[in-house]
Protein backbone atom coordinates (compact mmCIF):
# COMPACT_ATOMS: atom_id res chain seq x y z
CA MET A 1 51.34 -209.89 -55.37
CA TYR A 2 51.65 -206.69 -53.37
CA ASN A 3 48.90 -204.99 -55.32
CA TYR A 4 46.64 -208.01 -54.87
CA HIS A 5 46.86 -207.80 -51.07
CA VAL A 6 46.22 -204.07 -51.13
CA THR A 7 43.21 -204.11 -53.41
CA LEU A 8 41.44 -207.17 -51.98
CA PRO A 9 40.11 -205.38 -48.86
CA GLU A 10 39.09 -202.46 -51.03
CA ALA A 11 37.19 -204.76 -53.38
CA ALA A 12 35.51 -206.47 -50.45
CA ALA A 13 34.50 -203.10 -48.99
CA ARG A 14 32.78 -201.92 -52.17
CA PRO A 15 29.59 -204.02 -51.73
CA GLU A 16 29.33 -202.84 -48.12
CA LYS A 17 29.65 -199.20 -49.16
CA LYS A 18 27.06 -199.71 -51.88
CA ALA A 19 24.69 -201.39 -49.42
CA ALA A 20 25.21 -198.55 -46.93
CA ARG A 21 24.28 -195.98 -49.57
CA ILE A 22 21.16 -197.97 -50.52
CA PHE A 23 20.01 -198.21 -46.91
CA LEU A 24 20.67 -194.51 -46.40
CA LEU A 25 18.40 -193.77 -49.36
CA LEU A 26 15.76 -196.12 -47.95
CA PHE A 27 15.96 -194.38 -44.59
CA LEU A 28 15.61 -190.93 -46.13
CA ALA A 29 12.66 -192.10 -48.23
CA GLY A 30 10.99 -193.64 -45.18
CA ALA A 31 11.59 -190.52 -43.10
CA ALA A 32 10.15 -188.28 -45.83
CA ILE A 33 7.05 -190.43 -46.31
CA ARG A 34 6.41 -190.50 -42.57
CA ALA A 35 6.93 -186.74 -42.29
CA VAL A 36 3.87 -186.05 -44.46
CA ASP A 37 1.02 -184.80 -42.25
CA VAL A 38 3.19 -184.59 -39.12
CA PHE A 39 2.40 -180.91 -38.64
CA ARG A 40 -1.37 -181.24 -38.38
CA PRO A 41 -3.29 -180.76 -35.15
CA ALA A 42 -5.98 -183.09 -33.83
CA ASP A 43 -8.74 -181.32 -35.74
CA GLY A 44 -10.82 -182.49 -38.68
CA ARG A 45 -7.68 -183.99 -40.21
CA ILE A 46 -7.41 -186.81 -37.70
CA ARG A 47 -7.57 -190.34 -39.05
CA GLU A 48 -8.44 -192.57 -36.07
CA SER A 49 -11.00 -190.16 -34.64
CA TRP A 50 -11.77 -191.83 -31.31
CA ARG A 51 -8.26 -193.07 -30.55
CA GLU A 52 -6.38 -189.90 -31.45
CA SER A 53 -8.87 -187.64 -29.69
CA ASP A 54 -8.60 -189.70 -26.52
CA TYR A 55 -4.81 -189.55 -26.52
CA ALA A 56 -4.89 -185.81 -27.21
CA ALA A 57 -7.38 -185.34 -24.37
CA VAL A 58 -5.32 -187.40 -21.90
CA ALA A 59 -2.25 -185.30 -22.77
CA ARG A 60 -4.16 -182.03 -22.34
CA ASN A 61 -5.63 -183.20 -19.04
CA PHE A 62 -2.18 -184.18 -17.74
CA ALA A 63 -0.97 -180.66 -18.52
CA ARG A 64 -3.99 -178.99 -16.92
CA GLU A 65 -4.99 -181.26 -14.06
CA GLY A 66 -1.76 -182.82 -12.83
CA MET A 67 1.23 -184.69 -14.17
CA ASN A 68 0.85 -187.89 -12.16
CA ILE A 69 1.43 -190.50 -14.84
CA LEU A 70 -0.52 -193.06 -12.80
CA LEU A 71 -3.73 -191.03 -13.13
CA PRO A 72 -4.69 -190.63 -16.83
CA ARG A 73 -7.94 -188.69 -17.33
CA ILE A 74 -10.35 -188.61 -20.25
CA ASP A 75 -13.09 -186.08 -21.17
CA TRP A 76 -16.20 -188.30 -21.36
CA ARG A 77 -16.16 -188.61 -17.61
CA GLY A 78 -19.56 -187.26 -16.55
CA ASN A 79 -19.36 -186.16 -12.91
CA PHE A 80 -16.30 -188.30 -12.18
CA PRO A 81 -12.66 -187.12 -12.04
CA GLY A 82 -12.01 -188.89 -15.34
CA TYR A 83 -9.55 -191.60 -14.32
CA ALA A 84 -9.74 -194.23 -17.03
CA GLU A 85 -8.43 -197.72 -17.67
CA MET A 86 -5.90 -197.58 -20.51
CA GLU A 87 -2.42 -198.62 -21.55
CA PHE A 88 0.53 -197.10 -19.72
CA PRO A 89 0.16 -193.46 -20.86
CA ILE A 90 3.79 -192.68 -21.63
CA ILE A 91 2.93 -191.03 -24.96
CA PRO A 92 0.30 -188.52 -23.72
CA TRP A 93 2.38 -187.89 -20.59
CA THR A 94 5.44 -187.03 -22.72
CA MET A 95 3.27 -184.77 -24.86
CA ALA A 96 2.11 -183.02 -21.68
CA VAL A 97 5.72 -182.38 -20.61
CA PHE A 98 6.21 -180.36 -23.78
CA TYR A 99 2.76 -178.77 -23.41
CA LYS A 100 4.00 -177.28 -20.15
CA ILE A 101 6.74 -175.51 -22.11
CA PHE A 102 5.18 -174.72 -25.48
CA GLY A 103 1.44 -174.89 -24.82
CA VAL A 104 -1.10 -177.39 -26.11
CA HIS A 105 -0.15 -178.34 -29.68
CA GLU A 106 -0.97 -181.86 -30.82
CA GLU A 107 1.72 -181.56 -33.49
CA ILE A 108 4.24 -182.13 -30.69
CA GLY A 109 2.91 -185.62 -30.17
CA ARG A 110 3.04 -186.36 -33.89
CA ALA A 111 6.65 -185.14 -34.05
CA ILE A 112 7.60 -187.39 -31.12
CA LEU A 113 6.04 -190.40 -32.81
CA TRP A 114 7.69 -189.49 -36.11
CA LEU A 115 11.07 -189.62 -34.37
CA VAL A 116 10.07 -192.98 -32.91
CA SER A 117 9.29 -194.18 -36.44
CA LEU A 118 12.79 -193.20 -37.60
CA LEU A 119 14.29 -195.38 -34.87
CA THR A 120 11.92 -198.14 -35.95
CA LEU A 121 13.29 -197.96 -39.49
CA LEU A 122 16.88 -198.22 -38.25
CA VAL A 123 16.15 -201.20 -36.01
CA PHE A 124 14.30 -203.02 -38.78
CA PHE A 125 17.17 -202.37 -41.21
CA ALA A 126 19.60 -203.83 -38.65
CA LEU A 127 17.39 -206.89 -38.17
CA ALA A 128 17.01 -207.40 -41.92
CA ARG A 129 20.77 -207.08 -42.50
CA ARG A 130 21.38 -209.55 -39.68
CA LEU A 131 19.10 -212.21 -41.16
CA LEU A 132 19.40 -211.69 -44.93
CA PRO A 133 22.01 -211.00 -47.59
CA ALA A 134 22.09 -207.44 -48.88
CA PRO A 135 19.76 -207.76 -51.93
CA ALA A 136 17.07 -209.61 -49.97
CA ALA A 137 17.47 -207.27 -46.98
CA THR A 138 17.01 -204.32 -49.33
CA ALA A 139 13.73 -205.72 -50.65
CA ALA A 140 12.49 -206.47 -47.13
CA SER A 141 13.41 -202.98 -45.99
CA LEU A 142 11.68 -201.33 -48.94
CA PHE A 143 8.57 -203.36 -48.14
CA PHE A 144 8.74 -202.06 -44.55
CA VAL A 145 9.40 -198.47 -45.67
CA LEU A 146 6.30 -198.52 -47.89
CA SER A 147 4.03 -200.44 -45.52
CA PRO A 148 0.72 -198.53 -45.40
CA LEU A 149 0.10 -199.51 -41.76
CA ALA A 150 3.63 -198.68 -40.61
CA VAL A 151 3.33 -195.29 -42.29
CA ARG A 152 -0.13 -194.71 -40.83
CA VAL A 153 0.89 -195.28 -37.22
CA SER A 154 4.17 -193.37 -37.62
CA ASN A 155 2.57 -190.00 -36.86
CA SER A 156 -0.78 -191.02 -35.39
CA LEU A 157 -1.60 -190.12 -31.78
CA GLN A 158 -1.85 -193.69 -30.56
CA PRO A 159 0.51 -196.29 -29.03
CA GLU A 160 1.05 -198.63 -31.98
CA GLY A 161 4.07 -196.73 -33.35
CA LEU A 162 5.99 -196.98 -30.08
CA MET A 163 4.90 -200.59 -29.59
CA LEU A 164 6.26 -201.48 -33.06
CA LEU A 165 9.66 -200.00 -32.21
CA LEU A 166 9.85 -201.86 -28.90
CA LEU A 167 8.83 -205.17 -30.48
CA LEU A 168 11.59 -204.87 -33.06
CA VAL A 169 14.17 -203.96 -30.41
CA SER A 170 13.01 -206.93 -28.33
CA VAL A 171 13.40 -209.44 -31.17
CA HIS A 172 16.66 -207.99 -32.54
CA PHE A 173 18.50 -207.96 -29.22
CA PHE A 174 17.04 -211.31 -28.17
CA LEU A 175 18.60 -212.83 -31.28
CA CYS A 176 21.86 -211.07 -30.44
CA TRP A 177 21.72 -212.54 -26.94
CA LEU A 178 21.10 -216.04 -28.30
CA ASP A 179 24.15 -215.71 -30.55
CA ARG A 180 26.60 -213.85 -28.31
CA GLY A 181 25.29 -214.35 -24.81
CA ALA A 182 26.04 -210.71 -23.90
CA ARG A 183 24.22 -209.47 -20.80
CA SER A 184 23.66 -206.07 -22.40
CA ASP A 185 21.64 -207.72 -25.20
CA TYR A 186 19.62 -209.65 -22.60
CA TRP A 187 18.65 -206.54 -20.64
CA ILE A 188 17.90 -204.41 -23.68
CA SER A 189 15.58 -207.10 -25.04
CA LEU A 190 13.94 -207.52 -21.64
CA LEU A 191 13.33 -203.79 -21.15
CA ALA A 192 11.95 -203.48 -24.68
CA THR A 193 9.59 -206.40 -24.05
CA VAL A 194 8.37 -204.81 -20.81
CA GLY A 195 7.81 -201.50 -22.55
CA ALA A 196 5.98 -203.02 -25.51
CA ILE A 197 3.49 -204.86 -23.29
CA MET A 198 2.89 -201.83 -21.08
CA VAL A 199 2.35 -199.58 -24.09
CA LYS A 200 -0.07 -202.04 -25.72
CA ALA A 201 -1.24 -205.22 -24.00
CA PRO A 202 -1.53 -207.33 -27.21
CA ALA A 203 2.26 -207.02 -27.54
CA ALA A 204 2.38 -209.87 -25.01
CA HIS A 205 2.22 -212.24 -27.99
CA ILE A 206 5.93 -211.56 -28.49
CA GLY A 207 6.56 -213.83 -25.51
CA LEU A 208 5.44 -216.80 -27.60
CA VAL A 209 7.79 -215.75 -30.38
CA LEU A 210 10.82 -215.32 -28.11
CA ALA A 211 10.16 -218.65 -26.39
CA ALA A 212 9.93 -220.46 -29.74
CA LEU A 213 13.15 -218.84 -30.98
CA LEU A 214 14.91 -219.79 -27.75
CA ILE A 215 13.90 -223.45 -28.08
CA ALA A 216 14.70 -223.53 -31.80
CA LYS A 217 18.18 -222.18 -31.11
CA LYS A 218 19.10 -223.79 -27.78
CA GLY A 219 16.71 -226.71 -27.42
CA PHE A 220 14.29 -227.47 -24.61
CA ARG A 221 17.15 -227.67 -22.14
CA ALA A 222 17.30 -223.87 -22.27
CA LEU A 223 14.06 -223.79 -20.29
CA ARG A 224 16.01 -224.98 -17.25
CA ARG A 225 18.08 -221.80 -17.14
CA ALA A 226 17.31 -219.28 -14.41
CA ASP A 227 17.87 -216.25 -16.65
CA VAL A 228 15.14 -217.48 -19.02
CA TRP A 229 12.59 -217.66 -16.21
CA ILE A 230 13.76 -214.31 -14.86
CA PHE A 231 13.23 -212.83 -18.33
CA GLY A 232 9.69 -214.18 -18.52
CA ALA A 233 8.75 -213.03 -15.02
CA LEU A 234 10.23 -209.54 -15.32
CA ALA A 235 8.70 -209.10 -18.79
CA LEU A 236 5.18 -209.67 -17.42
CA LEU A 237 5.16 -208.36 -13.85
CA PRO A 238 5.41 -204.58 -14.51
CA ALA A 239 2.70 -204.74 -17.16
CA ALA A 240 0.50 -206.91 -14.95
CA ALA A 241 0.90 -204.41 -12.10
CA TRP A 242 -0.06 -201.52 -14.35
CA TYR A 243 -3.14 -203.17 -15.82
CA VAL A 244 -4.34 -204.24 -12.36
CA HIS A 245 -3.94 -200.64 -11.23
CA ALA A 246 -5.72 -199.30 -14.33
CA HIS A 247 -8.54 -201.81 -14.01
CA ARG A 248 -9.46 -200.26 -10.65
CA PHE A 249 -10.55 -197.14 -12.53
CA TYR A 250 -12.97 -199.19 -14.58
CA LEU A 251 -14.35 -200.94 -11.51
CA GLU A 252 -14.85 -197.63 -9.69
CA PHE A 253 -15.88 -195.27 -12.48
CA GLY A 254 -16.77 -197.52 -15.43
CA LEU A 255 -14.32 -195.68 -17.71
CA SER A 256 -12.08 -197.64 -20.09
CA LEU A 257 -10.39 -196.99 -23.43
CA GLY A 258 -11.54 -200.24 -24.97
CA LEU A 259 -10.04 -202.70 -22.48
CA SER A 260 -12.75 -203.92 -20.12
CA ASN A 261 -15.63 -202.34 -22.03
CA GLU A 262 -14.85 -204.14 -25.28
CA THR A 263 -15.18 -207.84 -26.10
CA HIS A 264 -11.88 -208.78 -27.74
CA TRP A 265 -11.48 -212.47 -27.09
CA ILE A 266 -12.69 -215.60 -28.80
CA GLY A 267 -15.38 -217.54 -26.93
CA TRP A 268 -17.41 -220.71 -27.11
CA ASP A 269 -20.23 -218.81 -28.76
CA LEU A 270 -17.98 -218.14 -31.77
CA LEU A 271 -16.83 -221.73 -31.94
CA ARG A 272 -20.44 -222.85 -31.88
CA SER A 273 -21.35 -220.40 -34.64
CA PRO A 274 -19.24 -221.03 -37.76
CA ARG A 275 -20.95 -218.15 -39.59
CA GLN A 276 -19.86 -215.56 -37.03
CA PHE A 277 -16.37 -217.01 -36.80
CA LEU A 278 -15.95 -217.10 -40.58
CA PHE A 279 -17.20 -213.51 -40.83
CA LEU A 280 -14.46 -212.33 -38.46
CA VAL A 281 -11.75 -214.48 -40.02
CA LEU A 282 -12.56 -213.11 -43.47
CA GLY A 283 -12.47 -209.58 -42.07
CA ALA A 284 -9.00 -210.20 -40.64
CA ALA A 285 -7.83 -211.77 -43.90
CA ARG A 286 -9.13 -208.80 -45.88
CA THR A 287 -7.16 -206.35 -43.73
CA GLU A 288 -4.02 -208.48 -43.95
CA SER A 289 -4.36 -208.77 -47.72
CA MET A 290 -4.88 -205.08 -48.36
CA LEU A 291 -2.75 -203.36 -45.72
CA VAL A 292 -0.04 -205.84 -44.71
CA TRP A 293 0.89 -208.36 -47.42
CA THR A 294 -0.88 -206.88 -50.46
CA PRO A 295 -2.74 -209.46 -52.58
CA LEU A 296 0.41 -210.57 -54.43
CA GLY A 297 2.46 -210.79 -51.26
CA TRP A 298 0.81 -214.08 -50.31
CA ILE A 299 2.60 -215.72 -53.23
CA PHE A 300 5.94 -214.60 -51.82
CA LEU A 301 4.93 -215.98 -48.42
CA GLY A 302 4.52 -219.34 -50.13
CA ALA A 303 7.98 -218.97 -51.63
CA VAL A 304 9.45 -218.74 -48.11
CA PHE A 305 9.38 -222.54 -48.09
CA PHE A 306 12.17 -222.48 -50.65
CA VAL A 307 14.33 -221.16 -47.81
CA ARG A 308 16.41 -223.73 -45.96
CA LYS A 309 14.46 -224.63 -42.84
CA GLY A 310 17.46 -224.41 -40.52
CA THR A 311 18.35 -220.79 -41.34
CA ASP A 312 17.79 -218.04 -38.80
CA VAL A 313 15.55 -216.05 -41.13
CA PHE A 314 13.23 -219.02 -41.68
CA LYS A 315 12.95 -219.60 -37.93
CA VAL A 316 12.26 -215.94 -37.22
CA VAL A 317 9.65 -215.58 -39.94
CA PHE A 318 7.94 -218.89 -39.15
CA TRP A 319 7.73 -218.43 -35.37
CA TRP A 320 6.93 -214.72 -35.53
CA LEU A 321 4.02 -215.35 -37.86
CA ALA A 322 2.92 -218.31 -35.73
CA GLY A 323 2.89 -216.10 -32.61
CA ILE A 324 0.88 -213.45 -34.42
CA GLY A 325 -1.50 -216.13 -35.67
CA VAL A 326 -2.19 -217.23 -32.10
CA TYR A 327 -2.74 -213.61 -31.05
CA PHE A 328 -5.08 -212.96 -33.98
CA LEU A 329 -7.09 -216.07 -33.22
CA VAL A 330 -7.43 -215.27 -29.51
CA ALA A 331 -8.40 -211.64 -30.20
CA ILE A 332 -10.43 -212.37 -33.34
CA ARG A 333 -13.45 -210.29 -32.24
CA THR A 334 -11.31 -207.18 -32.58
CA ILE A 335 -8.80 -208.31 -35.22
CA GLY A 336 -11.66 -209.21 -37.57
CA ASP A 337 -13.33 -205.79 -37.38
CA GLY A 338 -12.66 -203.32 -40.17
CA TRP A 339 -12.02 -200.39 -37.80
CA ALA A 340 -9.18 -202.29 -36.08
CA ALA A 341 -6.76 -202.16 -39.01
CA TYR A 342 -3.99 -200.67 -36.89
CA TYR A 343 -3.98 -203.78 -34.68
CA HIS A 344 -2.48 -205.60 -37.67
CA VAL A 345 0.68 -203.48 -37.69
CA VAL A 346 2.43 -206.17 -35.62
CA ALA A 347 2.39 -208.39 -38.72
CA VAL A 348 4.35 -205.93 -40.86
CA PRO A 349 7.91 -206.81 -39.69
CA PRO A 350 7.62 -210.59 -40.21
CA ALA A 351 5.79 -209.98 -43.50
CA ALA A 352 8.65 -207.78 -44.70
CA LEU A 353 11.22 -210.37 -43.60
CA ALA A 354 9.19 -213.06 -45.37
CA ILE A 355 9.40 -211.11 -48.63
CA GLY A 356 13.17 -210.87 -48.24
CA ALA A 357 13.48 -214.53 -47.28
CA ALA A 358 11.44 -215.59 -50.30
CA ILE A 359 13.69 -213.63 -52.64
CA ASP A 360 16.79 -215.10 -51.03
CA GLY A 361 15.35 -218.61 -51.23
CA LEU A 362 14.41 -218.27 -54.89
CA SER A 363 17.84 -216.86 -55.77
CA ARG A 364 19.56 -219.89 -54.22
CA ARG A 365 17.67 -222.44 -56.29
CA HIS A 366 19.64 -224.46 -58.85
CA PRO A 367 19.66 -222.84 -62.28
CA PHE A 368 17.35 -224.19 -64.93
CA ASP A 369 16.36 -223.27 -68.46
CA GLN A 370 13.78 -220.66 -67.47
CA ARG A 371 16.03 -218.89 -64.94
CA ARG A 372 15.85 -215.54 -66.73
CA PHE A 373 12.08 -215.74 -66.88
CA GLU A 374 11.98 -216.52 -63.14
CA ARG A 375 14.08 -213.46 -62.32
CA ARG A 376 11.85 -211.27 -64.43
CA ALA A 377 8.72 -212.71 -62.83
CA VAL A 378 10.08 -212.04 -59.34
CA ALA A 379 11.09 -208.50 -60.29
CA ALA A 380 7.65 -207.84 -61.79
CA GLY A 381 5.94 -209.23 -58.70
CA LEU A 382 8.00 -207.01 -56.40
CA ALA A 383 7.27 -203.98 -58.57
CA LEU A 384 3.53 -204.67 -58.30
CA ILE A 385 3.75 -205.10 -54.52
CA PHE A 386 5.75 -201.93 -53.98
CA GLY A 387 3.54 -200.02 -56.40
CA PHE A 388 0.40 -201.17 -54.60
CA GLN A 389 1.90 -200.14 -51.25
CA ALA A 390 2.89 -196.73 -52.60
CA PHE A 391 -0.63 -196.21 -53.97
CA LEU A 392 -2.18 -196.96 -50.57
CA VAL A 393 0.31 -194.72 -48.77
CA VAL A 394 -0.36 -191.76 -51.06
CA ARG A 395 -4.12 -192.33 -50.88
CA ASP A 396 -3.87 -192.16 -47.09
CA PHE A 397 -2.19 -188.74 -47.09
CA HIS A 398 -4.08 -185.64 -45.88
CA PRO A 399 -7.11 -187.19 -44.15
CA ARG A 400 -10.13 -184.88 -44.26
CA LYS A 401 -13.01 -187.14 -43.35
CA PHE A 402 -13.85 -185.34 -40.10
CA GLU A 403 -13.50 -181.74 -41.28
CA PRO A 404 -17.31 -181.21 -41.42
CA PHE A 405 -17.62 -182.48 -37.84
CA TYR A 406 -14.81 -180.19 -36.71
CA ALA A 407 -16.52 -177.25 -38.39
CA CYS A 408 -19.66 -178.06 -36.37
CA ALA A 409 -17.66 -178.13 -33.17
CA LYS A 410 -16.11 -174.73 -33.90
CA ALA A 411 -19.58 -173.30 -34.52
CA PHE A 412 -21.08 -174.85 -31.37
CA ALA A 413 -18.24 -174.02 -28.96
CA PRO A 414 -19.12 -170.31 -28.39
CA LEU A 415 -22.73 -171.29 -27.61
CA ILE A 416 -21.81 -173.63 -24.73
CA PRO A 417 -20.67 -171.80 -21.57
CA LYS A 418 -17.31 -172.85 -20.17
CA GLY A 419 -17.71 -175.48 -17.49
CA ASP A 420 -21.10 -176.73 -18.70
CA LEU A 421 -21.39 -180.50 -18.98
CA ILE A 422 -22.58 -181.91 -22.28
CA LEU A 423 -24.08 -185.08 -23.66
CA VAL A 424 -22.72 -186.39 -26.99
CA SER A 425 -24.09 -189.13 -29.20
CA GLY A 426 -21.87 -192.21 -29.18
CA GLY A 427 -21.62 -195.43 -31.09
CA ARG A 428 -23.19 -198.83 -30.66
CA ALA A 429 -22.82 -200.54 -27.29
CA ARG A 430 -23.27 -204.00 -28.89
CA ASP A 431 -21.79 -205.48 -32.02
CA GLN A 432 -23.73 -207.43 -34.65
CA PHE A 433 -23.37 -210.54 -32.49
CA GLY A 434 -24.66 -208.93 -29.30
CA ARG A 435 -21.27 -208.57 -27.57
CA SER A 436 -20.36 -205.38 -25.72
CA VAL A 437 -18.15 -202.84 -27.51
CA ALA A 438 -16.77 -199.44 -26.55
CA TYR A 439 -19.24 -196.77 -27.65
CA ASN A 440 -17.56 -193.64 -26.28
CA ALA A 441 -16.89 -191.11 -29.06
CA SER A 442 -14.37 -188.57 -27.85
CA TYR A 443 -13.77 -186.11 -30.68
CA PHE A 444 -16.59 -183.63 -29.95
CA PHE A 445 -15.54 -183.46 -26.30
CA TYR A 446 -11.98 -182.67 -27.34
CA TRP A 447 -12.86 -180.08 -29.96
CA LEU A 448 -15.43 -178.36 -27.75
CA ASP A 449 -13.10 -178.58 -24.73
CA ARG A 450 -15.97 -179.75 -22.53
CA LYS A 451 -16.61 -182.71 -20.26
CA GLY A 452 -19.68 -184.92 -20.04
CA TRP A 453 -21.26 -188.18 -21.15
CA ASN A 454 -21.83 -190.28 -24.24
CA VAL A 455 -25.15 -191.97 -24.89
CA PRO A 456 -24.98 -195.23 -26.88
CA LEU A 457 -27.16 -195.70 -29.92
CA GLU A 458 -29.24 -198.47 -28.33
CA ASP A 459 -30.19 -196.25 -25.36
CA ALA A 460 -31.07 -193.14 -27.32
CA SER A 461 -34.50 -191.75 -26.45
CA ARG A 462 -36.08 -188.54 -25.22
CA GLU A 463 -36.34 -190.08 -21.72
CA ALA A 464 -32.65 -191.02 -21.69
CA VAL A 465 -31.65 -187.50 -22.70
CA SER A 466 -33.84 -186.08 -19.93
CA GLU A 467 -32.13 -188.38 -17.42
CA PHE A 468 -28.71 -187.05 -18.44
CA ALA A 469 -30.09 -183.53 -18.04
CA ARG A 470 -31.08 -184.38 -14.47
CA ARG A 471 -27.51 -185.59 -13.87
CA GLY A 472 -26.13 -182.23 -14.97
CA ALA A 473 -25.87 -182.21 -18.77
CA ARG A 474 -26.84 -178.84 -20.27
CA PHE A 475 -26.44 -179.45 -24.01
CA PHE A 476 -26.78 -182.45 -26.29
CA VAL A 477 -24.52 -182.67 -29.35
CA CYS A 478 -26.33 -185.17 -31.55
CA GLU A 479 -24.89 -186.32 -34.86
CA ARG A 480 -27.35 -186.60 -37.73
CA GLY A 481 -26.04 -190.06 -38.54
CA PHE A 482 -26.98 -191.07 -34.99
CA LEU A 483 -30.53 -189.83 -35.56
CA SER A 484 -30.85 -191.67 -38.85
CA TRP A 485 -30.48 -194.98 -37.02
CA ARG A 486 -33.42 -194.26 -34.70
CA PRO A 487 -36.57 -193.34 -36.65
CA GLY A 488 -38.70 -190.79 -34.82
CA LEU A 489 -35.94 -189.75 -32.41
CA GLU A 490 -35.22 -186.41 -34.08
CA SER A 491 -38.87 -185.30 -34.00
CA ALA A 492 -39.16 -186.40 -30.35
CA LEU A 493 -36.06 -184.43 -29.37
CA ARG A 494 -37.14 -181.32 -31.30
CA ALA A 495 -40.52 -181.43 -29.55
CA ALA A 496 -38.94 -181.77 -26.11
CA PHE A 497 -35.84 -179.54 -26.29
CA PRO A 498 -35.04 -176.24 -28.01
CA VAL A 499 -32.47 -176.34 -30.81
CA THR A 500 -29.57 -173.98 -30.14
CA ALA A 501 -27.77 -174.52 -33.44
CA GLU A 502 -27.55 -176.87 -36.40
CA CYS A 503 -24.85 -177.74 -38.91
CA SER A 504 -24.33 -180.24 -41.70
CA GLU A 505 -23.36 -183.09 -39.38
CA ALA A 506 -24.97 -182.41 -35.99
CA ILE A 507 -27.68 -180.64 -34.00
CA LEU A 508 -27.06 -178.84 -30.70
CA PHE A 509 -29.99 -179.20 -28.29
CA LYS A 510 -30.40 -177.21 -25.08
CA ILE A 511 -31.47 -179.85 -22.57
CA GLY A 512 -30.76 -178.26 -19.18
CA PRO A 513 -31.36 -174.95 -17.43
C-alpha cells in the first residue's frame, strides 16, 4: 500500500515529462527551420520585394533622418519629406535603434522577428495544450511548426510575424480571463489586441472572435458588463488614433504603403459581377489550400464536426474561422490576389487547432470493426500533410528571384551622383477590374540609396518621363519587363534620352541635366 501511494504520482508525471520532451523537440525544430535565411540582408535575396524594401527603407530613414516614431519616411517620396501612411512602425523603429549602435544591417530586423517567432511558437504550444489532449496538441503544434506561411513571415521584414504573436497572446489570455477572471489575463489580452491592430489593421477581425467566444462562454448577459465595453473601446481607440494620424500623410503628400492607395474592400460592383467575385474567391481558396490547410487538410477540417460541440476547442476553432471568414470576405479584393499570400497567415493558428481537434474527435469515436484501418488512414493523412508542408518550406528557402535586379542596382549606383533624384518604373495603378492598386516599387530606391518617384505602367510615355525630369528627376531606372508591356516605349525613350547603362533586367536613362 505504501509503495502504491509513492509510485502513483510518479506514474502520473511520466506522460507530462514525455509531453514536455516532445514539445521541446518541436520548439527546437521550429526555431531551426525559422533560423534558415535569417542572416541575409535586404538584397537580391528578399522574398516580398516591395514590402521588405519599404520596411528596410523606413528603418534606415529613422536612423538617418530622425527617430520620431510618429513620422515614418519612405524613399519614393519625390520632393516631399517622405512621411507615409502605414501601420504603426514599431518594427522599423526598433531596427533603427540597433542601427544607431551597429550600423545599417537588415539582418538585425530579421533576427528580431526570428525571436518574435520563437515566442509565437511558445504561445501557440500553450494554447494547444490548453485546448487539446497531448497527442492532438502535438499534431496541431507540428502543423504550426511546419506551416509554410508561418515560417515565411518569421524572418521577413514585414509586420505579419509580430501581428501573429499578438493575436495568439490575445486569444490565449482572453480564454484564461474567461475561465479564471484574473485581471492580469484581461489586461494582457487587451494590450495584445491593441498591439495587433496597430501593427496590422486587418487584425481587427479578432474582435469578432473574442466577442463570439465571450457570448459562447458567458451568454449574452456578459455584454452588459462594463469591463467588456472598456475592453472593446480601449482595443480600438489607440489604433484608430494612429490610423487617423497616418492618413493625414496620405491626404497631404499622397504617400501610402497600400492603405488608402489600394482597393481592399468588397463593393457593390463585385456583388453585381459574379465572374469577378468568383475569380477572387477562387484565388483566396487556392492560397488557403496550398499554403494554409494543404489540399488534404480540408478533410480534417470536416472531421472537426466529430468533436463535441460544447468543448472549448470546438468553440475556438469554429468562431476563429468564422471571424477570419468575415475578414476574408470584406477584404476579398486583396485576399483573393496571388501576391497577398502573407495576408492568409492569420488562418494558420485556427487551422492547426482544427487539425488537432479533428484527431481528438476521431479518437473519441466508439470502436468499430475497422478501427485499426481508421487509425492507419489518419496517420497516413497526417504524414502527407506534414510532408507537403515540409516540401513547401524547403522549397521556399534561399530566395534568389531578385538577384539579377540587385546586380543591376549595384552596377547603376556609381553612375548616379549622390543626392540626385531618380524615376523608377512601377507597377500597375489599376487591377484587372479597374480598381486602384498600389504601384510603388521600392526595391531599386533602397538598393541605389536614392529618393524619387515611381511612374505607373498605365502612365508610361516619353512625355510623362519628361515631366518628371522637369520636376527634378535626373535618371530613369526602367525595368525591361515594364517596357515589354508598352510596345514602342523603349524606342521612344532611346530616341529622346541617352542611355547611361544597361543590364539584364533594366536600362538606366539620363533624363535630366
